[in-house]
All heavy atoms as atom14 arrays in JSON, in Angstrom:
{
  "sequence": "DNYLHIKVGPYVTPAPYYMNILSKRFSAPVWVGKGLPGEIEIEANK",
  "atom14_mask": [
    [1, 1, 1, 1, 1, 1, 1, 1, 0, 0, 0, 0, 0, 0],
    [1, 1, 1, 1, 1, 1, 1, 1, 0, 0, 0, 0, 0, 0],
    [1, 1, 1, 1, 1, 1, 1, 1, 1, 1, 1, 1, 0, 0],
    [1, 1, 1, 1, 1, 1, 1, 1, 0, 0, 0, 0, 0, 0],
    [1, 1, 1, 1, 1, 1, 1, 1, 1, 1, 0, 0, 0, 0],
    [1, 1, 1, 1, 1, 1, 1, 1, 0, 0, 0, 0, 0, 0],
    [1, 1, 1, 1, 1, 1, 1, 1, 1, 0, 0, 0, 0, 0],
    [1, 1, 1, 1, 1, 1, 1, 0, 0, 0, 0, 0, 0, 0],
    [1, 1, 1, 1, 0, 0, 0, 0, 0, 0, 0, 0, 0, 0],
    [1, 1, 1, 1, 1, 1, 1, 0, 0, 0, 0, 0, 0, 0],
    [1, 1, 1, 1, 1, 1, 1, 1, 1, 1, 1, 1, 0, 0],
    [1, 1, 1, 1, 1, 1, 1, 0, 0, 0, 0, 0, 0, 0],
    [1, 1, 1, 1, 1, 1, 1, 0, 0, 0, 0, 0, 0, 0],
    [1, 1, 1, 1, 1, 1, 1, 0, 0, 0, 0, 0, 0, 0],
    [1, 1, 1, 1, 1, 0, 0, 0, 0, 0, 0, 0, 0, 0],
    [1, 1, 1, 1, 1, 1, 1, 0, 0, 0, 0, 0, 0, 0],
    [1, 1, 1, 1, 1, 1, 1, 1, 1, 1, 1, 1, 0, 0],
    [1, 1, 1, 1, 1, 1, 1, 1, 1, 1, 1, 1, 0, 0],
    [1, 1, 1, 1, 1, 1, 1, 1, 0, 0, 0, 0, 0, 0],
    [1, 1, 1, 1, 1, 1, 1, 1, 0, 0, 0, 0, 0, 0],
    [1, 1, 1, 1, 1, 1, 1, 1, 0, 0, 0, 0, 0, 0],
    [1, 1, 1, 1, 1, 1, 1, 1, 0, 0, 0, 0, 0, 0],
    [1, 1, 1, 1, 1, 1, 0, 0, 0, 0, 0, 0, 0, 0],
    [1, 1, 1, 1, 1, 1, 1, 1, 1, 0, 0, 0, 0, 0],
    [1, 1, 1, 1, 1, 1, 1, 1, 1, 1, 1, 0, 0, 0],
    [1, 1, 1, 1, 1, 1, 1, 1, 1, 1, 1, 0, 0, 0],
    [1, 1, 1, 1, 1, 1, 0, 0, 0, 0, 0, 0, 0, 0],
    [1, 1, 1, 1, 1, 0, 0, 0, 0, 0, 0, 0, 0, 0],
    [1, 1, 1, 1, 1, 1, 1, 0, 0, 0, 0, 0, 0, 0],
    [1, 1, 1, 1, 1, 1, 1, 0, 0, 0, 0, 0, 0, 0],
    [1, 1, 1, 1, 1, 1, 1, 1, 1, 1, 1, 1, 1, 1],
    [1, 1, 1, 1, 1, 1, 1, 0, 0, 0, 0, 0, 0, 0],
    [1, 1, 1, 1, 0, 0, 0, 0, 0, 0, 0, 0, 0, 0],
    [1, 1, 1, 1, 1, 1, 1, 1, 1, 0, 0, 0, 0, 0],
    [1, 1, 1, 1, 0, 0, 0, 0, 0, 0, 0, 0, 0, 0],
    [1, 1, 1, 1, 1, 1, 1, 1, 0, 0, 0, 0, 0, 0],
    [1, 1, 1, 1, 1, 1, 1, 0, 0, 0, 0, 0, 0, 0],
    [1, 1, 1, 1, 0, 0, 0, 0, 0, 0, 0, 0, 0, 0],
    [1, 1, 1, 1, 1, 1, 1, 1, 1, 0, 0, 0, 0, 0],
    [1, 1, 1, 1, 1, 1, 1, 1, 0, 0, 0, 0, 0, 0],
    [1, 1, 1, 1, 1, 1, 1, 1, 1, 0, 0, 0, 0, 0],
    [1, 1, 1, 1, 1, 1, 1, 1, 0, 0, 0, 0, 0, 0],
    [1, 1, 1, 1, 1, 1, 1, 1, 1, 0, 0, 0, 0, 0],
    [1, 1, 1, 1, 1, 0, 0, 0, 0, 0, 0, 0, 0, 0],
    [1, 1, 1, 1, 1, 1, 1, 1, 0, 0, 0, 0, 0, 0],
    [1, 1, 1, 1, 1, 1, 1, 1, 1, 0, 0, 0, 0, 0]
  ],
  "atom14_positions": [
    [[119.76, 165.33, -56.13], [120.85, 166.27, -56.41], [121.78, 165.73, -57.49], [122.24, 166.48, -58.37], [121.65, 166.54, -55.13], [122.67, 167.65, -55.31], [122.28, 168.8, -55.53], [123.88, 167.34, -55.25], [0.0, 0.0, 0.0], [0.0, 0.0, 0.0], [0.0, 0.0, 0.0], [0.0, 0.0, 0.0], [0.0, 0.0, 0.0], [0.0, 0.0, 0.0]],
    [[122.04, 164.44, -57.45], [122.92, 163.84, -58.47], [122.27, 163.86, -59.85], [122.96, 164.05, -60.86], [123.27, 162.4, -58.07], [124.21, 162.35, -56.88], [124.89, 163.32, -56.58], [124.22, 161.23, -56.19], [0.0, 0.0, 0.0], [0.0, 0.0, 0.0], [0.0, 0.0, 0.0], [0.0, 0.0, 0.0], [0.0, 0.0, 0.0], [0.0, 0.0, 0.0]],
    [[120.95, 163.64, -59.93], [120.26, 163.73, -61.21], [120.32, 165.16, -61.77], [120.34, 165.36, -62.99], [118.79, 163.32, -61.07], [118.53, 161.84, -61.25], [118.01, 161.09, -60.2], [118.78, 161.21, -62.46], [117.75, 159.73, -60.35], [118.52, 159.86, -62.62], [118.01, 159.11, -61.57], [117.76, 157.76, -61.73], [0.0, 0.0, 0.0], [0.0, 0.0, 0.0]],
    [[120.33, 166.13, -60.88], [120.37, 167.54, -61.3], [121.78, 168.0, -61.65], [121.96, 169.08, -62.22], [119.8, 168.44, -60.2], [118.29, 168.33, -59.98], [117.89, 169.03, -58.69], [117.53, 168.95, -61.16], [0.0, 0.0, 0.0], [0.0, 0.0, 0.0], [0.0, 0.0, 0.0], [0.0, 0.0, 0.0], [0.0, 0.0, 0.0], [0.0, 0.0, 0.0]],
    [[122.79, 167.18, -61.3], [124.18, 167.56, -61.53], [124.98, 166.39, -62.09], [125.91, 165.88, -61.46], [124.82, 168.06, -60.22], [124.12, 169.26, -59.63], [123.07, 169.14, -58.75], [124.34, 170.59, -59.82], [122.66, 170.34, -58.41], [123.4, 171.24, -59.04], [0.0, 0.0, 0.0], [0.0, 0.0, 0.0], [0.0, 0.0, 0.0], [0.0, 0.0, 0.0]],
    [[124.6, 165.94, -63.28], [125.33, 164.87, -63.95], [126.67, 165.43, -64.44], [126.72, 166.46, -65.12], [124.53, 164.31, -65.14], [123.2, 163.7, -64.67], [125.36, 163.28, -65.91], [123.33, 162.46, -63.83], [0.0, 0.0, 0.0], [0.0, 0.0, 0.0], [0.0, 0.0, 0.0], [0.0, 0.0, 0.0], [0.0, 0.0, 0.0], [0.0, 0.0, 0.0]],
    [[127.76, 164.73, -64.12], [129.09, 165.2, -64.48], [129.59, 164.45, -65.72], [129.74, 163.23, -65.71], [130.05, 165.0, -63.3], [129.65, 165.76, -62.05], [130.6, 165.46, -60.88], [130.21, 166.24, -59.64], [128.87, 165.86, -59.14], [0.0, 0.0, 0.0], [0.0, 0.0, 0.0], [0.0, 0.0, 0.0], [0.0, 0.0, 0.0], [0.0, 0.0, 0.0]],
    [[129.85, 165.22, -66.78], [130.37, 164.67, -68.02], [131.64, 165.44, -68.37], [131.58, 166.6, -68.79], [129.36, 164.81, -69.17], [129.9, 164.14, -70.43], [128.01, 164.22, -68.79], [0.0, 0.0, 0.0], [0.0, 0.0, 0.0], [0.0, 0.0, 0.0], [0.0, 0.0, 0.0], [0.0, 0.0, 0.0], [0.0, 0.0, 0.0], [0.0, 0.0, 0.0]],
    [[132.8, 164.82, -68.16], [134.05, 165.56, -68.36], [134.04, 166.8, -67.48], [133.75, 166.71, -66.28], [0.0, 0.0, 0.0], [0.0, 0.0, 0.0], [0.0, 0.0, 0.0], [0.0, 0.0, 0.0], [0.0, 0.0, 0.0], [0.0, 0.0, 0.0], [0.0, 0.0, 0.0], [0.0, 0.0, 0.0], [0.0, 0.0, 0.0], [0.0, 0.0, 0.0]],
    [[134.29, 167.99, -68.03], [134.28, 169.22, -67.24], [132.88, 169.84, -67.11], [132.72, 170.87, -66.47], [135.18, 170.15, -68.05], [134.96, 169.72, -69.46], [134.75, 168.22, -69.41], [0.0, 0.0, 0.0], [0.0, 0.0, 0.0], [0.0, 0.0, 0.0], [0.0, 0.0, 0.0], [0.0, 0.0, 0.0], [0.0, 0.0, 0.0], [0.0, 0.0, 0.0]],
    [[131.9, 169.2, -67.72], [130.56, 169.79, -67.75], [129.67, 169.19, -66.65], [129.81, 168.04, -66.27], [129.9, 169.53, -69.11], [130.8, 169.81, -70.29], [131.27, 168.77, -71.09], [131.19, 171.11, -70.59], [132.1, 169.01, -72.17], [132.02, 171.37, -71.67], [132.48, 170.32, -72.45], [133.31, 170.57, -73.52], [0.0, 0.0, 0.0], [0.0, 0.0, 0.0]],
    [[128.72, 170.0, -66.18], [127.74, 169.55, -65.2], [126.36, 169.96, -65.71], [126.14, 171.13, -66.04], [127.98, 170.16, -63.8], [126.92, 169.67, -62.82], [129.37, 169.79, -63.3], [0.0, 0.0, 0.0], [0.0, 0.0, 0.0], [0.0, 0.0, 0.0], [0.0, 0.0, 0.0], [0.0, 0.0, 0.0], [0.0, 0.0, 0.0], [0.0, 0.0, 0.0]],
    [[125.45, 169.01, -65.79], [124.14, 169.29, -66.37], [123.08, 168.39, -65.75], [123.39, 167.27, -65.33], [124.18, 169.06, -67.9], [122.88, 169.31, -68.45], [124.59, 167.63, -68.22], [0.0, 0.0, 0.0], [0.0, 0.0, 0.0], [0.0, 0.0, 0.0], [0.0, 0.0, 0.0], [0.0, 0.0, 0.0], [0.0, 0.0, 0.0], [0.0, 0.0, 0.0]],
    [[121.84, 168.85, -65.69], [120.76, 167.93, -65.29], [120.62, 166.8, -66.31], [120.89, 166.99, -67.5], [119.52, 168.83, -65.3], [120.04, 170.21, -65.13], [121.35, 170.22, -65.86], [0.0, 0.0, 0.0], [0.0, 0.0, 0.0], [0.0, 0.0, 0.0], [0.0, 0.0, 0.0], [0.0, 0.0, 0.0], [0.0, 0.0, 0.0], [0.0, 0.0, 0.0]],
    [[120.22, 165.64, -65.84], [119.98, 164.53, -66.76], [118.86, 164.9, -67.71], [117.81, 165.4, -67.29], [119.61, 163.27, -65.98], [0.0, 0.0, 0.0], [0.0, 0.0, 0.0], [0.0, 0.0, 0.0], [0.0, 0.0, 0.0], [0.0, 0.0, 0.0], [0.0, 0.0, 0.0], [0.0, 0.0, 0.0], [0.0, 0.0, 0.0], [0.0, 0.0, 0.0]],
    [[119.04, 164.7, -69.02], [117.98, 165.0, -69.97], [116.81, 164.03, -69.82], [116.95, 162.96, -69.25], [118.65, 164.81, -71.35], [120.11, 164.71, -71.07], [120.25, 164.19, -69.68], [0.0, 0.0, 0.0], [0.0, 0.0, 0.0], [0.0, 0.0, 0.0], [0.0, 0.0, 0.0], [0.0, 0.0, 0.0], [0.0, 0.0, 0.0], [0.0, 0.0, 0.0]],
    [[115.68, 164.43, -70.39], [114.56, 163.51, -70.5], [114.86, 162.53, -71.63], [115.23, 162.94, -72.73], [113.26, 164.25, -70.8], [112.08, 163.32, -71.04], [111.34, 162.85, -69.97], [111.75, 162.89, -72.32], [110.27, 161.97, -70.17], [110.7, 162.02, -72.54], [109.97, 161.56, -71.46], [108.93, 160.69, -71.66], [0.0, 0.0, 0.0], [0.0, 0.0, 0.0]],
    [[114.71, 161.25, -71.37], [114.92, 160.25, -72.42], [114.07, 159.02, -72.14], [114.06, 158.51, -71.02], [116.39, 159.83, -72.51], [116.61, 158.79, -73.59], [116.6, 159.17, -74.93], [116.8, 157.45, -73.28], [116.76, 158.21, -75.93], [116.97, 156.5, -74.28], [116.95, 156.89, -75.6], [117.11, 155.95, -76.59], [0.0, 0.0, 0.0], [0.0, 0.0, 0.0]],
    [[113.36, 158.56, -73.17], [112.55, 157.36, -73.04], [112.74, 156.51, -74.29], [112.67, 157.0, -75.42], [111.07, 157.72, -72.88], [110.15, 156.51, -72.75], [108.43, 156.95, -72.36], [107.98, 157.91, -73.81], [0.0, 0.0, 0.0], [0.0, 0.0, 0.0], [0.0, 0.0, 0.0], [0.0, 0.0, 0.0], [0.0, 0.0, 0.0], [0.0, 0.0, 0.0]],
    [[112.99, 155.22, -74.09], [113.15, 154.28, -75.19], [112.23, 153.1, -74.93], [112.58, 152.16, -74.24], [114.6, 153.82, -75.31], [114.84, 152.95, -76.53], [113.92, 152.32, -77.05], [116.07, 152.89, -76.98], [0.0, 0.0, 0.0], [0.0, 0.0, 0.0], [0.0, 0.0, 0.0], [0.0, 0.0, 0.0], [0.0, 0.0, 0.0], [0.0, 0.0, 0.0]],
    [[111.02, 153.17, -75.47], [110.01, 152.14, -75.22], [110.37, 150.83, -75.91], [110.23, 149.74, -75.35], [108.63, 152.61, -75.69], [108.19, 153.84, -74.9], [107.6, 151.5, -75.55], [106.89, 154.44, -75.38], [0.0, 0.0, 0.0], [0.0, 0.0, 0.0], [0.0, 0.0, 0.0], [0.0, 0.0, 0.0], [0.0, 0.0, 0.0], [0.0, 0.0, 0.0]],
    [[110.86, 150.91, -77.15], [111.07, 149.7, -77.95], [112.1, 148.76, -77.36], [111.99, 147.54, -77.49], [111.48, 150.1, -79.37], [110.43, 150.87, -80.17], [110.98, 151.25, -81.53], [109.15, 150.05, -80.32], [0.0, 0.0, 0.0], [0.0, 0.0, 0.0], [0.0, 0.0, 0.0], [0.0, 0.0, 0.0], [0.0, 0.0, 0.0], [0.0, 0.0, 0.0]],
    [[113.13, 149.32, -76.71], [114.23, 148.46, -76.24], [114.2, 148.18, -74.74], [115.08, 147.52, -74.23], [115.57, 149.14, -76.58], [115.7, 149.31, -77.97], [0.0, 0.0, 0.0], [0.0, 0.0, 0.0], [0.0, 0.0, 0.0], [0.0, 0.0, 0.0], [0.0, 0.0, 0.0], [0.0, 0.0, 0.0], [0.0, 0.0, 0.0], [0.0, 0.0, 0.0]],
    [[113.19, 148.68, -74.03], [113.27, 148.64, -72.57], [113.28, 147.23, -71.98], [113.79, 147.02, -70.89], [112.15, 149.47, -71.95], [110.77, 148.84, -71.98], [109.8, 149.74, -71.22], [108.43, 149.08, -71.08], [107.51, 149.9, -70.28], [0.0, 0.0, 0.0], [0.0, 0.0, 0.0], [0.0, 0.0, 0.0], [0.0, 0.0, 0.0], [0.0, 0.0, 0.0]],
    [[112.73, 146.27, -72.7], [112.68, 144.91, -72.15], [114.0, 144.16, -72.3], [114.21, 143.15, -71.67], [111.57, 144.12, -72.84], [110.17, 144.65, -72.53], [109.12, 143.8, -73.2], [107.78, 144.29, -72.93], [106.67, 143.76, -73.43], [106.75, 142.7, -74.23], [105.48, 144.27, -73.15], [0.0, 0.0, 0.0], [0.0, 0.0, 0.0], [0.0, 0.0, 0.0]],
    [[114.85, 144.68, -73.16], [116.04, 143.92, -73.49], [117.35, 144.64, -73.15], [118.42, 144.03, -73.22], [116.02, 143.59, -74.99], [114.73, 142.98, -75.45], [113.83, 143.73, -76.19], [114.39, 141.69, -75.11], [112.63, 143.18, -76.61], [113.19, 141.12, -75.52], [112.3, 141.87, -76.27], [0.0, 0.0, 0.0], [0.0, 0.0, 0.0], [0.0, 0.0, 0.0]],
    [[117.31, 145.91, -72.82], [118.52, 146.68, -72.58], [118.72, 146.98, -71.1], [117.8, 146.87, -70.3], [118.46, 148.0, -73.37], [118.31, 147.76, -74.74], [0.0, 0.0, 0.0], [0.0, 0.0, 0.0], [0.0, 0.0, 0.0], [0.0, 0.0, 0.0], [0.0, 0.0, 0.0], [0.0, 0.0, 0.0], [0.0, 0.0, 0.0], [0.0, 0.0, 0.0]],
    [[119.95, 147.37, -70.78], [120.24, 147.79, -69.41], [119.45, 149.05, -69.1], [119.2, 149.87, -69.99], [121.74, 148.05, -69.27], [0.0, 0.0, 0.0], [0.0, 0.0, 0.0], [0.0, 0.0, 0.0], [0.0, 0.0, 0.0], [0.0, 0.0, 0.0], [0.0, 0.0, 0.0], [0.0, 0.0, 0.0], [0.0, 0.0, 0.0], [0.0, 0.0, 0.0]],
    [[119.03, 149.24, -67.84], [118.23, 150.41, -67.48], [118.81, 151.74, -67.93], [118.07, 152.64, -68.33], [118.17, 150.31, -65.95], [118.28, 148.86, -65.66], [119.22, 148.33, -66.69], [0.0, 0.0, 0.0], [0.0, 0.0, 0.0], [0.0, 0.0, 0.0], [0.0, 0.0, 0.0], [0.0, 0.0, 0.0], [0.0, 0.0, 0.0], [0.0, 0.0, 0.0]],
    [[120.14, 151.87, -67.91], [120.76, 153.14, -68.25], [120.49, 153.55, -69.71], [120.5, 154.74, -70.03], [122.28, 153.1, -67.97], [122.99, 152.18, -68.95], [122.88, 154.5, -68.01], [0.0, 0.0, 0.0], [0.0, 0.0, 0.0], [0.0, 0.0, 0.0], [0.0, 0.0, 0.0], [0.0, 0.0, 0.0], [0.0, 0.0, 0.0], [0.0, 0.0, 0.0]],
    [[120.23, 152.58, -70.59], [120.02, 152.88, -72.0], [118.55, 153.03, -72.38], [118.23, 153.23, -73.55], [120.67, 151.81, -72.87], [122.16, 151.84, -72.79], [122.99, 150.93, -72.2], [123.02, 152.88, -73.31], [124.3, 151.32, -72.31], [124.36, 152.52, -72.99], [122.8, 154.07, -74.0], [125.44, 153.3, -73.34], [123.89, 154.86, -74.35], [125.19, 154.47, -74.02]],
    [[117.67, 152.93, -71.42], [116.24, 153.05, -71.73], [115.53, 154.07, -70.83], [114.33, 153.99, -70.61], [115.53, 151.67, -71.62], [116.0, 150.76, -72.72], [115.75, 151.04, -70.26], [0.0, 0.0, 0.0], [0.0, 0.0, 0.0], [0.0, 0.0, 0.0], [0.0, 0.0, 0.0], [0.0, 0.0, 0.0], [0.0, 0.0, 0.0], [0.0, 0.0, 0.0]],
    [[116.29, 155.04, -70.33], [115.69, 156.09, -69.53], [115.37, 155.7, -68.11], [114.54, 156.35, -67.46], [0.0, 0.0, 0.0], [0.0, 0.0, 0.0], [0.0, 0.0, 0.0], [0.0, 0.0, 0.0], [0.0, 0.0, 0.0], [0.0, 0.0, 0.0], [0.0, 0.0, 0.0], [0.0, 0.0, 0.0], [0.0, 0.0, 0.0], [0.0, 0.0, 0.0]],
    [[116.05, 154.69, -67.58], [115.78, 154.23, -66.22], [117.04, 154.21, -65.36], [117.02, 153.68, -64.25], [115.18, 152.82, -66.25], [114.01, 152.64, -67.2], [112.78, 153.44, -66.8], [111.61, 153.13, -67.73], [110.4, 153.91, -67.4], [0.0, 0.0, 0.0], [0.0, 0.0, 0.0], [0.0, 0.0, 0.0], [0.0, 0.0, 0.0], [0.0, 0.0, 0.0]],
    [[118.13, 154.78, -65.86], [119.41, 154.66, -65.17], [119.54, 155.53, -63.94], [118.89, 156.57, -63.8], [0.0, 0.0, 0.0], [0.0, 0.0, 0.0], [0.0, 0.0, 0.0], [0.0, 0.0, 0.0], [0.0, 0.0, 0.0], [0.0, 0.0, 0.0], [0.0, 0.0, 0.0], [0.0, 0.0, 0.0], [0.0, 0.0, 0.0], [0.0, 0.0, 0.0]],
    [[120.41, 155.11, -63.04], [120.8, 155.92, -61.89], [121.83, 156.95, -62.34], [122.5, 156.76, -63.37], [121.38, 155.03, -60.79], [120.4, 154.05, -60.14], [121.16, 152.98, -59.37], [119.44, 154.79, -59.22], [0.0, 0.0, 0.0], [0.0, 0.0, 0.0], [0.0, 0.0, 0.0], [0.0, 0.0, 0.0], [0.0, 0.0, 0.0], [0.0, 0.0, 0.0]],
    [[122.0, 158.04, -61.6], [122.96, 159.07, -62.01], [124.37, 158.54, -62.26], [125.01, 158.9, -63.25], [122.94, 160.05, -60.84], [121.59, 159.89, -60.24], [121.26, 158.43, -60.4], [0.0, 0.0, 0.0], [0.0, 0.0, 0.0], [0.0, 0.0, 0.0], [0.0, 0.0, 0.0], [0.0, 0.0, 0.0], [0.0, 0.0, 0.0], [0.0, 0.0, 0.0]],
    [[124.85, 157.69, -61.38], [126.19, 157.14, -61.53], [126.33, 156.31, -62.79], [127.37, 156.34, -63.46], [0.0, 0.0, 0.0], [0.0, 0.0, 0.0], [0.0, 0.0, 0.0], [0.0, 0.0, 0.0], [0.0, 0.0, 0.0], [0.0, 0.0, 0.0], [0.0, 0.0, 0.0], [0.0, 0.0, 0.0], [0.0, 0.0, 0.0], [0.0, 0.0, 0.0]],
    [[125.29, 155.56, -63.15], [125.31, 154.75, -64.36], [125.34, 155.64, -65.61], [126.06, 155.35, -66.57], [124.08, 153.84, -64.39], [124.05, 152.81, -63.27], [122.72, 152.1, -63.15], [121.7, 152.62, -63.65], [122.7, 151.0, -62.55], [0.0, 0.0, 0.0], [0.0, 0.0, 0.0], [0.0, 0.0, 0.0], [0.0, 0.0, 0.0], [0.0, 0.0, 0.0]],
    [[124.56, 156.71, -65.58], [124.55, 157.65, -66.7], [125.92, 158.28, -66.87], [126.44, 158.41, -67.98], [123.47, 158.73, -66.48], [122.08, 158.1, -66.47], [123.58, 159.83, -67.55], [120.97, 159.06, -66.07], [0.0, 0.0, 0.0], [0.0, 0.0, 0.0], [0.0, 0.0, 0.0], [0.0, 0.0, 0.0], [0.0, 0.0, 0.0], [0.0, 0.0, 0.0]],
    [[126.54, 158.69, -65.76], [127.85, 159.32, -65.82], [128.92, 158.38, -66.38], [129.78, 158.8, -67.17], [128.26, 159.82, -64.43], [127.48, 161.03, -63.97], [127.93, 161.54, -62.62], [128.72, 160.84, -61.95], [127.51, 162.64, -62.22], [0.0, 0.0, 0.0], [0.0, 0.0, 0.0], [0.0, 0.0, 0.0], [0.0, 0.0, 0.0], [0.0, 0.0, 0.0]],
    [[128.89, 157.13, -65.97], [129.89, 156.16, -66.45], [129.83, 156.04, -67.98], [130.85, 156.13, -68.67], [129.67, 154.79, -65.79], [130.12, 154.83, -64.32], [130.46, 153.7, -66.54], [129.76, 153.58, -63.54], [0.0, 0.0, 0.0], [0.0, 0.0, 0.0], [0.0, 0.0, 0.0], [0.0, 0.0, 0.0], [0.0, 0.0, 0.0], [0.0, 0.0, 0.0]],
    [[128.63, 155.85, -68.52], [128.49, 155.68, -69.96], [128.8, 156.97, -70.71], [129.44, 156.95, -71.77], [127.07, 155.19, -70.3], [126.7, 153.84, -69.69], [127.65, 152.73, -70.11], [128.21, 152.79, -71.22], [127.84, 151.78, -69.32], [0.0, 0.0, 0.0], [0.0, 0.0, 0.0], [0.0, 0.0, 0.0], [0.0, 0.0, 0.0], [0.0, 0.0, 0.0]],
    [[128.36, 158.09, -70.15], [128.6, 159.38, -70.81], [130.09, 159.71, -70.87], [130.59, 160.23, -71.88], [127.85, 160.49, -70.08], [0.0, 0.0, 0.0], [0.0, 0.0, 0.0], [0.0, 0.0, 0.0], [0.0, 0.0, 0.0], [0.0, 0.0, 0.0], [0.0, 0.0, 0.0], [0.0, 0.0, 0.0], [0.0, 0.0, 0.0], [0.0, 0.0, 0.0]],
    [[130.8, 159.4, -69.81], [132.23, 159.72, -69.78], [133.06, 158.8, -70.66], [134.13, 159.19, -71.13], [132.73, 159.73, -68.34], [132.39, 161.03, -67.63], [132.97, 162.07, -67.91], [131.43, 160.98, -66.72], [0.0, 0.0, 0.0], [0.0, 0.0, 0.0], [0.0, 0.0, 0.0], [0.0, 0.0, 0.0], [0.0, 0.0, 0.0], [0.0, 0.0, 0.0]],
    [[132.58, 157.6, -70.91], [133.23, 156.74, -71.9], [133.2, 157.42, -73.27], [134.19, 157.45, -74.0], [132.52, 155.39, -71.98], [132.73, 154.47, -70.8], [131.95, 153.18, -71.01], [132.05, 152.25, -69.81], [131.22, 151.03, -69.99], [0.0, 0.0, 0.0], [0.0, 0.0, 0.0], [0.0, 0.0, 0.0], [0.0, 0.0, 0.0], [0.0, 0.0, 0.0]]
  ]
}
């Protein structure tokens, strides 16, 4: 349910599809398409 309702400011949207193969070994999960809903929301709201 949280993946289907990502909260960004006043907006609510399903998490988009995103994959970053090149950086996945070196980046935090949220930046390579592996993040949890809460992690995505934190970065998006920044």
